[in-house]
Amino acid sequence: MSKHEKEEKIVQRLERENRELKNTVRSMQRKLKQLNKGYYKFLIEEQLTQEEAVVEAKKIAKKICYQCHVGEMVKVTVGNRYWRQCTECDNRTKSKTEEK
């Protein structure tokens, strides 16, 4: 393989990665737009100030699994230790001691 062929392979790989990343960014922007729509609709329906709405949204919001993006991270408590575990996949966080 010549130096020129290696450089072409590298360029092609980088272009492919760039396309994939652009697709990811586009899809995330669409999701963000949808979430913002829901947030503003929530503000209007509830007639809350922005600070109150943030507090309410945090109460309602689910912790979504960062690995599978499908399941919800549920808190599991055993004694004075707890961790969060996904309802769909086997992902879980490190266990921590509950502070009282």
PDB file of N, CA and C in Angstrom:
ATOM      1  N   MET A   1       0.833  -1.174   0.000  1.00  0.00           N
ATOM      2  CA  MET A   1       0.000   0.000   0.000  1.00  0.00           C
ATOM      3  C   MET A   1       0.882   1.242   0.000  1.00  0.00           C
ATOM      4  N   SER A   2       0.571   2.144  -0.886  1.00  0.00           N
ATOM      5  CA  SER A   2       1.372   3.358  -0.952  1.00  0.00           C
ATOM      6  C   SER A   2       0.870   4.376   0.069  1.00  0.00           C
ATOM      7  N   LYS A   3       1.656   5.382   0.251  1.00  0.00           N
ATOM      8  CA  LYS A   3       1.315   6.436   1.209  1.00  0.00           C
ATOM      9  C   LYS A   3       0.029   7.138   0.781  1.00  0.00           C
ATOM     10  N   HIS A   4      -0.131   7.308  -0.521  1.00  0.00           N
ATOM     11  CA  HIS A   4      -1.316   7.975  -1.061  1.00  0.00           C
ATOM     12  C   HIS A   4      -2.588   7.173  -0.760  1.00  0.00           C
ATOM     13  N   GLU A   5      -2.524   5.857  -0.900  1.00  0.00           N
ATOM     14  CA  GLU A   5      -3.688   4.999  -0.616  1.00  0.00           C
ATOM     15  C   GLU A   5      -4.066   5.042   0.856  1.00  0.00           C
ATOM     16  N   LYS A   6      -3.050   5.060   1.726  1.00  0.00           N
ATOM     17  CA  LYS A   6      -3.315   5.149   3.166  1.00  0.00           C
ATOM     18  C   LYS A   6      -4.011   6.461   3.500  1.00  0.00           C
ATOM     19  N   GLU A   7      -3.536   7.542   2.895  1.00  0.00           N
ATOM     20  CA  GLU A   7      -4.140   8.846   3.152  1.00  0.00           C
ATOM     21  C   GLU A   7      -5.584   8.882   2.658  1.00  0.00           C
ATOM     22  N   GLU A   8      -5.852   8.245   1.515  1.00  0.00           N
ATOM     23  CA  GLU A   8      -7.220   8.183   0.996  1.00  0.00           C
ATOM     24  C   GLU A   8      -8.130   7.402   1.940  1.00  0.00           C
ATOM     25  N   LYS A   9      -7.622   6.296   2.483  1.00  0.00           N
ATOM     26  CA  LYS A   9      -8.401   5.502   3.438  1.00  0.00           C
ATOM     27  C   LYS A   9      -8.749   6.321   4.680  1.00  0.00           C
ATOM     28  N   ILE A  10      -7.763   7.054   5.162  1.00  0.00           N
ATOM     29  CA  ILE A  10      -7.968   7.883   6.352  1.00  0.00           C
ATOM     30  C   ILE A  10      -9.001   8.956   6.064  1.00  0.00           C
ATOM     31  N   VAL A  11      -8.900   9.594   4.909  1.00  0.00           N
ATOM     32  CA  VAL A  11      -9.846  10.649   4.534  1.00  0.00           C
ATOM     33  C   VAL A  11     -11.254  10.075   4.423  1.00  0.00           C
ATOM     34  N   GLN A  12     -11.385   8.907   3.809  1.00  0.00           N
ATOM     35  CA  GLN A  12     -12.700   8.277   3.669  1.00  0.00           C
ATOM     36  C   GLN A  12     -13.290   7.923   5.034  1.00  0.00           C
ATOM     37  N   ARG A  13     -12.464   7.406   5.927  1.00  0.00           N
ATOM     38  CA  ARG A  13     -12.931   7.059   7.267  1.00  0.00           C
ATOM     39  C   ARG A  13     -13.405   8.309   8.014  1.00  0.00           C
ATOM     40  N   LEU A  14     -12.628   9.389   7.919  1.00  0.00           N
ATOM     41  CA  LEU A  14     -12.997  10.629   8.603  1.00  0.00           C
ATOM     42  C   LEU A  14     -14.279  11.229   8.025  1.00  0.00           C
ATOM     43  N   GLU A  15     -14.433  11.148   6.703  1.00  0.00           N
ATOM     44  CA  GLU A  15     -15.667  11.642   6.083  1.00  0.00           C
ATOM     45  C   GLU A  15     -16.878  10.834   6.545  1.00  0.00           C
ATOM     46  N   ARG A  16     -16.713   9.511   6.655  1.00  0.00           N
ATOM     47  CA  ARG A  16     -17.802   8.650   7.121  1.00  0.00           C
ATOM     48  C   ARG A  16     -18.167   8.989   8.563  1.00  0.00           C
ATOM     49  N   GLU A  17     -17.152   9.143   9.421  1.00  0.00           N
ATOM     50  CA  GLU A  17     -17.400   9.496  10.819  1.00  0.00           C
ATOM     51  C   GLU A  17     -18.090  10.852  10.920  1.00  0.00           C
ATOM     52  N   ASN A  18     -17.663  11.789  10.069  1.00  0.00           N
ATOM     53  CA  ASN A  18     -18.257  13.131  10.066  1.00  0.00           C
ATOM     54  C   ASN A  18     -19.740  13.053   9.701  1.00  0.00           C
ATOM     55  N   ARG A  19     -20.089  12.254   8.691  1.00  0.00           N
ATOM     56  CA  ARG A  19     -21.498  12.082   8.297  1.00  0.00           C
ATOM     57  C   ARG A  19     -22.311  11.505   9.454  1.00  0.00           C
ATOM     58  N   GLU A  20     -21.753  10.472  10.108  1.00  0.00           N
ATOM     59  CA  GLU A  20     -22.462   9.849  11.222  1.00  0.00           C
ATOM     60  C   GLU A  20     -22.692  10.845  12.358  1.00  0.00           C
ATOM     61  N   LEU A  21     -21.681  11.641  12.669  1.00  0.00           N
ATOM     62  CA  LEU A  21     -21.813  12.631  13.741  1.00  0.00           C
ATOM     63  C   LEU A  21     -22.822  13.717  13.378  1.00  0.00           C
ATOM     64  N   LYS A  22     -22.835  14.121  12.119  1.00  0.00           N
ATOM     65  CA  LYS A  22     -23.824  15.115  11.685  1.00  0.00           C
ATOM     66  C   LYS A  22     -25.235  14.558  11.823  1.00  0.00           C
ATOM     67  N   ASN A  23     -25.424  13.277  11.485  1.00  0.00           N
ATOM     68  CA  ASN A  23     -26.734  12.649  11.641  1.00  0.00           C
ATOM     69  C   ASN A  23     -27.148  12.619  13.104  1.00  0.00           C
ATOM     70  N   THR A  24     -26.211  12.305  13.974  1.00  0.00           N
ATOM     71  CA  THR A  24     -26.490  12.268  15.411  1.00  0.00           C
ATOM     72  C   THR A  24     -26.898  13.648  15.912  1.00  0.00           C
ATOM     73  N   VAL A  25     -26.165  14.661  15.489  1.00  0.00           N
ATOM     74  CA  VAL A  25     -26.472  16.033  15.909  1.00  0.00           C
ATOM     75  C   VAL A  25     -27.865  16.422  15.437  1.00  0.00           C
ATOM     76  N   ARG A  26     -28.189  16.105  14.178  1.00  0.00           N
ATOM     77  CA  ARG A  26     -29.504  16.433  13.634  1.00  0.00           C
ATOM     78  C   ARG A  26     -30.620  15.776  14.438  1.00  0.00           C
ATOM     79  N   SER A  27     -30.446  14.489  14.741  1.00  0.00           N
ATOM     80  CA  SER A  27     -31.493  13.785  15.490  1.00  0.00           C
ATOM     81  C   SER A  27     -31.621  14.343  16.904  1.00  0.00           C
ATOM     82  N   MET A  28     -30.518  14.695  17.532  1.00  0.00           N
ATOM     83  CA  MET A  28     -30.573  15.264  18.884  1.00  0.00           C
ATOM     84  C   MET A  28     -31.226  16.643  18.868  1.00  0.00           C
ATOM     85  N   GLN A  29     -30.981  17.422  17.814  1.00  0.00           N
ATOM     86  CA  GLN A  29     -31.620  18.727  17.720  1.00  0.00           C
ATOM     87  C   GLN A  29     -33.133  18.572  17.573  1.00  0.00           C
ATOM     88  N   ARG A  30     -33.571  17.567  16.799  1.00  0.00           N
ATOM     89  CA  ARG A  30     -35.005  17.307  16.654  1.00  0.00           C
ATOM     90  C   ARG A  30     -35.623  16.937  17.999  1.00  0.00           C
ATOM     91  N   LYS A  31     -34.936  16.060  18.750  1.00  0.00           N
ATOM     92  CA  LYS A  31     -35.445  15.658  20.067  1.00  0.00           C
ATOM     93  C   LYS A  31     -35.533  16.864  21.005  1.00  0.00           C
ATOM     94  N   LEU A  32     -34.512  17.705  20.972  1.00  0.00           N
ATOM     95  CA  LEU A  32     -34.493  18.894  21.820  1.00  0.00           C
ATOM     96  C   LEU A  32     -35.648  19.824  21.471  1.00  0.00           C
ATOM     97  N   LYS A  33     -35.907  19.972  20.192  1.00  0.00           N
ATOM     98  CA  LYS A  33     -37.012  20.814  19.743  1.00  0.00           C
ATOM     99  C   LYS A  33     -38.342  20.272  20.258  1.00  0.00           C
ATOM    100  N   GLN A  34     -38.530  18.948  20.188  1.00  0.00           N
ATOM    101  CA  GLN A  34     -39.756  18.329  20.685  1.00  0.00           C
ATOM    102  C   GLN A  34     -39.892  18.526  22.190  1.00  0.00           C
ATOM    103  N   LEU A  35     -38.792  18.356  22.911  1.00  0.00           N
ATOM    104  CA  LEU A  35     -38.837  18.517  24.363  1.00  0.00           C
ATOM    105  C   LEU A  35     -39.147  19.963  24.749  1.00  0.00           C
ATOM    106  N   ASN A  36     -38.560  20.903  24.024  1.00  0.00           N
ATOM    107  CA  ASN A  36     -38.839  22.312  24.304  1.00  0.00           C
ATOM    108  C   ASN A  36     -40.304  22.633  24.077  1.00  0.00           C
ATOM    109  N   LYS A  37     -40.881  22.059  23.007  1.00  0.00           N
ATOM    110  CA  LYS A  37     -42.303  22.265  22.734  1.00  0.00           C
ATOM    111  C   LYS A  37     -43.134  21.822  23.931  1.00  0.00           C
ATOM    112  N   GLY A  38     -42.830  20.640  24.447  1.00  0.00           N
ATOM    113  CA  GLY A  38     -43.552  20.114  25.598  1.00  0.00           C
ATOM    114  C   GLY A  38     -43.348  20.965  26.838  1.00  0.00           C
ATOM    115  N   TYR A  39     -42.151  21.510  27.015  1.00  0.00           N
ATOM    116  CA  TYR A  39     -41.844  22.332  28.179  1.00  0.00           C
ATOM    117  C   TYR A  39     -42.640  23.633  28.141  1.00  0.00           C
ATOM    118  N   TYR A  40     -42.663  24.286  26.986  1.00  0.00           N
ATOM    119  CA  TYR A  40     -43.393  25.543  26.878  1.00  0.00           C
ATOM    120  C   TYR A  40     -44.897  25.320  26.998  1.00  0.00           C
ATOM    121  N   LYS A  41     -45.378  24.201  26.461  1.00  0.00           N
ATOM    122  CA  LYS A  41     -46.793  23.858  26.587  1.00  0.00           C
ATOM    123  C   LYS A  41     -47.130  23.648  28.069  1.00  0.00           C
ATOM    124  N   PHE A  42     -46.230  22.984  28.787  1.00  0.00           N
ATOM    125  CA  PHE A  42     -46.396  22.759  30.222  1.00  0.00           C
ATOM    126  C   PHE A  42     -46.458  24.089  30.968  1.00  0.00           C
ATOM    127  N   LEU A  43     -45.594  25.037  30.600  1.00  0.00           N
ATOM    128  CA  LEU A  43     -45.588  26.354  31.241  1.00  0.00           C
ATOM    129  C   LEU A  43     -46.921  27.067  31.045  1.00  0.00           C
ATOM    130  N   ILE A  44     -47.427  27.034  29.822  1.00  0.00           N
ATOM    131  CA  ILE A  44     -48.665  27.743  29.499  1.00  0.00           C
ATOM    132  C   ILE A  44     -49.857  27.099  30.215  1.00  0.00           C
ATOM    133  N   GLU A  45     -49.936  25.767  30.168  1.00  0.00           N
ATOM    134  CA  GLU A  45     -51.064  25.067  30.787  1.00  0.00           C
ATOM    135  C   GLU A  45     -51.108  25.275  32.293  1.00  0.00           C
ATOM    136  N   GLU A  46     -49.968  25.224  32.926  1.00  0.00           N
ATOM    137  CA  GLU A  46     -49.920  25.290  34.390  1.00  0.00           C
ATOM    138  C   GLU A  46     -49.850  26.716  34.925  1.00  0.00           C
ATOM    139  N   GLN A  47     -49.592  27.689  34.066  1.00  0.00           N
ATOM    140  CA  GLN A  47     -49.465  29.091  34.478  1.00  0.00           C
ATOM    141  C   GLN A  47     -48.443  29.235  35.618  1.00  0.00           C
ATOM    142  N   LEU A  48     -47.270  28.654  35.412  1.00  0.00           N
ATOM    143  CA  LEU A  48     -46.205  28.718  36.409  1.00  0.00           C
ATOM    144  C   LEU A  48     -45.116  29.671  35.956  1.00  0.00           C
ATOM    145  N   THR A  49     -44.371  30.189  36.922  1.00  0.00           N
ATOM    146  CA  THR A  49     -43.181  30.946  36.552  1.00  0.00           C
ATOM    147  C   THR A  49     -42.127  29.948  36.098  1.00  0.00           C
ATOM    148  N   GLN A  50     -41.085  30.441  35.482  1.00  0.00           N
ATOM    149  CA  GLN A  50     -40.068  29.540  34.948  1.00  0.00           C
ATOM    150  C   GLN A  50     -39.377  28.755  36.068  1.00  0.00           C
ATOM    151  N   GLU A  51     -39.121  29.394  37.194  1.00  0.00           N
ATOM    152  CA  GLU A  51     -38.458  28.710  38.308  1.00  0.00           C
ATOM    153  C   GLU A  51     -39.345  27.596  38.872  1.00  0.00           C
ATOM    154  N   GLU A  52     -40.640  27.876  39.028  1.00  0.00           N
ATOM    155  CA  GLU A  52     -41.561  26.859  39.523  1.00  0.00           C
ATOM    156  C   GLU A  52     -41.671  25.703  38.540  1.00  0.00           C
ATOM    157  N   ALA A  53     -41.664  26.037  37.246  1.00  0.00           N
ATOM    158  CA  ALA A  53     -41.778  25.009  36.214  1.00  0.00           C
ATOM    159  C   ALA A  53     -40.554  24.077  36.235  1.00  0.00           C
ATOM    160  N   VAL A  54     -39.387  24.635  36.466  1.00  0.00           N
ATOM    161  CA  VAL A  54     -38.175  23.812  36.528  1.00  0.00           C
ATOM    162  C   VAL A  54     -38.264  22.843  37.699  1.00  0.00           C
ATOM    163  N   VAL A  55     -38.732  23.316  38.848  1.00  0.00           N
ATOM    164  CA  VAL A  55     -38.881  22.460  40.025  1.00  0.00           C
ATOM    165  C   VAL A  55     -39.889  21.345  39.740  1.00  0.00           C
ATOM    166  N   GLU A  56     -41.036  21.692  39.131  1.00  0.00           N
ATOM    167  CA  GLU A  56     -42.066  20.699  38.788  1.00  0.00           C
ATOM    168  C   GLU A  56     -41.530  19.676  37.792  1.00  0.00           C
ATOM    169  N   ALA A  57     -40.827  20.158  36.776  1.00  0.00           N
ATOM    170  CA  ALA A  57     -40.303  19.265  35.735  1.00  0.00           C
ATOM    171  C   ALA A  57     -39.310  18.278  36.328  1.00  0.00           C
ATOM    172  N   LYS A  58     -38.493  18.726  37.271  1.00  0.00           N
ATOM    173  CA  LYS A  58     -37.527  17.821  37.903  1.00  0.00           C
ATOM    174  C   LYS A  58     -38.228  16.754  38.722  1.00  0.00           C
ATOM    175  N   LYS A  59     -39.355  17.100  39.343  1.00  0.00           N
ATOM    176  CA  LYS A  59     -40.108  16.108  40.101  1.00  0.00           C
ATOM    177  C   LYS A  59     -40.673  15.040  39.174  1.00  0.00           C
ATOM    178  N   ILE A  60     -41.181  15.482  38.016  1.00  0.00           N
ATOM    179  CA  ILE A  60     -41.848  14.588  37.082  1.00  0.00           C
ATOM    180  C   ILE A  60     -40.860  13.787  36.234  1.00  0.00           C
ATOM    181  N   ALA A  61     -39.731  14.397  35.911  1.00  0.00           N
ATOM    182  CA  ALA A  61     -38.780  13.794  34.960  1.00  0.00           C
ATOM    183  C   ALA A  61     -38.267  12.448  35.445  1.00  0.00           C
ATOM    184  N   LYS A  62     -38.126  11.540  34.507  1.00  0.00           N
ATOM    185  CA  LYS A  62     -37.578  10.222  34.798  1.00  0.00           C
ATOM    186  C   LYS A  62     -36.084  10.239  34.512  1.00  0.00           C
ATOM    187  N   LYS A  63     -35.364   9.416  35.215  1.00  0.00           N
ATOM    188  CA  LYS A  63     -33.949   9.260  34.923  1.00  0.00           C
ATOM    189  C   LYS A  63     -33.832   8.164  33.870  1.00  0.00           C
ATOM    190  N   ILE A  64     -33.503   8.564  32.644  1.00  0.00           N
ATOM    191  CA  ILE A  64     -33.414   7.623  31.538  1.00  0.00           C
ATOM    192  C   ILE A  64     -32.031   6.989  31.529  1.00  0.00           C
ATOM    193  N   CYS A  65     -31.982   5.711  31.199  1.00  0.00           N
ATOM    194  CA  CYS A  65     -30.716   4.978  31.149  1.00  0.00           C
ATOM    195  C   CYS A  65     -29.807   5.592  30.097  1.00  0.00           C
ATOM    196  N   TYR A  66     -28.581   5.891  30.471  1.00  0.00           N
ATOM    197  CA  TYR A  66     -27.647   6.509  29.544  1.00  0.00           C
ATOM    198  C   TYR A  66     -26.971   5.492  28.634  1.00  0.00           C
ATOM    199  N   GLN A  67     -27.221   4.211  28.863  1.00  0.00           N
ATOM    200  CA  GLN A  67     -26.607   3.185  28.015  1.00  0.00           C
ATOM    201  C   GLN A  67     -27.566   2.723  26.924  1.00  0.00           C
ATOM    202  N   CYS A  68     -28.794   2.365  27.280  1.00  0.00           N
ATOM    203  CA  CYS A  68     -29.749   1.866  26.276  1.00  0.00           C
ATOM    204  C   CYS A  68     -30.725   2.953  25.827  1.00  0.00           C
ATOM    205  N   HIS A  69     -30.864   4.048  26.568  1.00  0.00           N
ATOM    206  CA  HIS A  69     -31.756   5.167  26.256  1.00  0.00           C
ATOM    207  C   HIS A  69     -33.221   4.749  26.157  1.00  0.00           C
ATOM    208  N   VAL A  70     -33.575   3.588  26.702  1.00  0.00           N
ATOM    209  CA  VAL A  70     -34.958   3.109  26.649  1.00  0.00           C
ATOM    210  C   VAL A  70     -35.515   2.993  28.056  1.00  0.00           C
ATOM    211  N   GLY A  71     -34.780   2.314  28.917  1.00  0.00           N
ATOM    212  CA  GLY A  71     -35.258   2.041  30.267  1.00  0.00           C
ATOM    213  C   GLY A  71     -35.128   3.232  31.193  1.00  0.00           C
ATOM    214  N   GLU A  72     -35.698   3.059  32.363  1.00  0.00           N
ATOM    215  CA  GLU A  72     -35.651   4.086  33.401  1.00  0.00           C
ATOM    216  C   GLU A  72     -34.724   3.597  34.508  1.00  0.00           C
ATOM    217  N   MET A  73     -33.898   4.491  35.025  1.00  0.00           N
ATOM    218  CA  MET A  73     -32.997   4.146  36.114  1.00  0.00           C
ATOM    219  C   MET A  73     -33.792   4.245  37.431  1.00  0.00           C
ATOM    220  N   VAL A  74     -34.062   3.091  38.042  1.00  0.00           N
ATOM    221  CA  VAL A  74     -34.860   3.012  39.258  1.00  0.00           C
ATOM    222  C   VAL A  74     -33.931   2.856  40.454  1.00  0.00           C
ATOM    223  N   LYS A  75     -34.255   3.545  41.533  1.00  0.00           N
ATOM    224  CA  LYS A  75     -33.441   3.485  42.746  1.00  0.00           C
ATOM    225  C   LYS A  75     -33.742   2.197  43.498  1.00  0.00           C
ATOM    226  N   VAL A  76     -32.687   1.431  43.805  1.00  0.00           N
ATOM    227  CA  VAL A  76     -32.811   0.190  44.565  1.00  0.00           C
ATOM    228  C   VAL A  76     -32.083   0.397  45.894  1.00  0.00           C
ATOM    229  N   THR A  77     -32.787   0.171  47.012  1.00  0.00           N
ATOM    230  CA  THR A  77     -32.204   0.392  48.334  1.00  0.00           C
ATOM    231  C   THR A  77     -32.130  -0.933  49.085  1.00  0.00           C
ATOM    232  N   VAL A  78     -30.939  -1.206  49.633  1.00  0.00           N
ATOM    233  CA  VAL A  78     -30.735  -2.381  50.474  1.00  0.00           C
ATOM    234  C   VAL A  78     -30.000  -1.901  51.715  1.00  0.00           C
ATOM    235  N   GLY A  79     -30.686  -1.946  52.841  1.00  0.00           N
ATOM    236  CA  GLY A  79     -30.088  -1.438  54.079  1.00  0.00           C
ATOM    237  C   GLY A  79     -29.869   0.060  53.958  1.00  0.00           C
ATOM    238  N   ASN A  80     -28.636   0.491  54.190  1.00  0.00           N
ATOM    239  CA  ASN A  80     -28.334   1.910  54.048  1.00  0.00           C
ATOM    240  C   ASN A  80     -27.567   2.194  52.757  1.00  0.00           C
ATOM    241  N   ARG A  81     -27.541   1.237  51.840  1.00  0.00           N
ATOM    242  CA  ARG A  81     -26.872   1.402  50.540  1.00  0.00           C
ATOM    243  C   ARG A  81     -27.929   1.490  49.449  1.00  0.00           C
ATOM    244  N   TYR A  82     -27.628   2.221  48.380  1.00  0.00           N
ATOM    245  CA  TYR A  82     -28.549   2.290  47.253  1.00  0.00           C
ATOM    246  C   TYR A  82     -27.767   2.424  45.949  1.00  0.00           C
ATOM    247  N   TRP A  83     -28.422   2.079  44.842  1.00  0.00           N
ATOM    248  CA  TRP A  83     -27.883   2.263  43.501  1.00  0.00           C
ATOM    249  C   TRP A  83     -29.046   2.413  42.553  1.00  0.00           C
ATOM    250  N   ARG A  84     -28.788   2.832  41.353  1.00  0.00           N
ATOM    251  CA  ARG A  84     -29.826   2.947  40.330  1.00  0.00           C
ATOM    252  C   ARG A  84     -29.604   1.848  39.303  1.00  0.00           C
ATOM    253  N   GLN A  85     -30.697   1.203  38.897  1.00  0.00           N
ATOM    254  CA  GLN A  85     -30.635   0.068  37.990  1.00  0.00           C
ATOM    255  C   GLN A  85     -31.643   0.280  36.862  1.00  0.00           C
ATOM    256  N   CYS A  86     -31.236  -0.027  35.633  1.00  0.00           N
ATOM    257  CA  CYS A  86     -32.096   0.150  34.465  1.00  0.00           C
ATOM    258  C   CYS A  86     -33.181  -0.929  34.441  1.00  0.00           C
ATOM    259  N   THR A  87     -34.389  -0.534  34.000  1.00  0.00           N
ATOM    260  CA  THR A  87     -35.493  -1.490  33.921  1.00  0.00           C
ATOM    261  C   THR A  87     -35.419  -2.348  32.660  1.00  0.00           C
ATOM    262  N   GLU A  88     -34.649  -1.934  31.669  1.00  0.00           N
ATOM    263  CA  GLU A  88     -34.571  -2.658  30.398  1.00  0.00           C
ATOM    264  C   GLU A  88     -33.290  -3.475  30.247  1.00  0.00           C
ATOM    265  N   CYS A  89     -32.144  -2.857  30.504  1.00  0.00           N
ATOM    266  CA  CYS A  89     -30.869  -3.567  30.328  1.00  0.00           C
ATOM    267  C   CYS A  89     -30.249  -3.872  31.699  1.00  0.00           C
ATOM    268  N   ASP A  90     -29.035  -4.372  31.716  1.00  0.00           N
ATOM    269  CA  ASP A  90     -28.373  -4.751  32.969  1.00  0.00           C
ATOM    270  C   ASP A  90     -27.534  -3.630  33.566  1.00  0.00           C
ATOM    271  N   ASN A  91     -27.653  -2.428  33.028  1.00  0.00           N
ATOM    272  CA  ASN A  91     -26.845  -1.307  33.486  1.00  0.00           C
ATOM    273  C   ASN A  91     -27.227  -0.919  34.913  1.00  0.00           C
ATOM    274  N   ARG A  92     -26.210  -0.613  35.729  1.00  0.00           N
ATOM    275  CA  ARG A  92     -26.455  -0.097  37.074  1.00  0.00           C
ATOM    276  C   ARG A  92     -25.302   0.795  37.503  1.00  0.00           C
ATOM    277  N   THR A  93     -25.588   1.684  38.451  1.00  0.00           N
ATOM    278  CA  THR A  93     -24.569   2.596  38.942  1.00  0.00           C
ATOM    279  C   THR A  93     -23.835   1.963  40.125  1.00  0.00           C
ATOM    280  N   LYS A  94     -22.789   2.631  40.581  1.00  0.00           N
ATOM    281  CA  LYS A  94     -22.087   2.161  41.768  1.00  0.00           C
ATOM    282  C   LYS A  94     -22.982   2.371  42.987  1.00  0.00           C
ATOM    283  N   SER A  95     -22.824   1.524  43.982  1.00  0.00           N
ATOM    284  CA  SER A  95     -23.656   1.692  45.184  1.00  0.00           C
ATOM    285  C   SER A  95     -23.093   2.807  46.046  1.00  0.00           C
ATOM    286  N   LYS A  96     -24.006   3.496  46.721  1.00  0.00           N
ATOM    287  CA  LYS A  96     -23.634   4.632  47.571  1.00  0.00           C
ATOM    288  C   LYS A  96     -24.314   4.469  48.922  1.00  0.00           C
ATOM    289  N   THR A  97     -23.790   5.143  49.938  1.00  0.00           N
ATOM    290  CA  THR A  97     -24.384   5.107  51.261  1.00  0.00           C
ATOM    291  C   THR A  97     -25.403   6.223  51.368  1.00  0.00           C
ATOM    292  N   GLU A  98     -26.575   5.889  51.895  1.00  0.00           N
ATOM    293  CA  GLU A  98     -27.629   6.875  52.054  1.00  0.00           C
ATOM    294  C   GLU A  98     -27.295   7.781  53.227  1.00  0.00           C
ATOM    295  N   GLU A  99     -27.395   9.078  52.999  1.00  0.00           N
ATOM    296  CA  GLU A  99     -27.142  10.047  54.055  1.00  0.00           C
ATOM    297  C   GLU A  99     -28.467  10.446  54.675  1.00  0.00           C
ATOM    298  N   LYS A 100     -28.513  10.497  55.986  1.00  0.00           N
ATOM    299  CA  LYS A 100     -29.767  10.865  56.667  1.00  0.00           C
ATOM    300  C   LYS A 100     -29.575  12.073  57.505  1.00  0.00           C
TER     301      LYS A 100
END
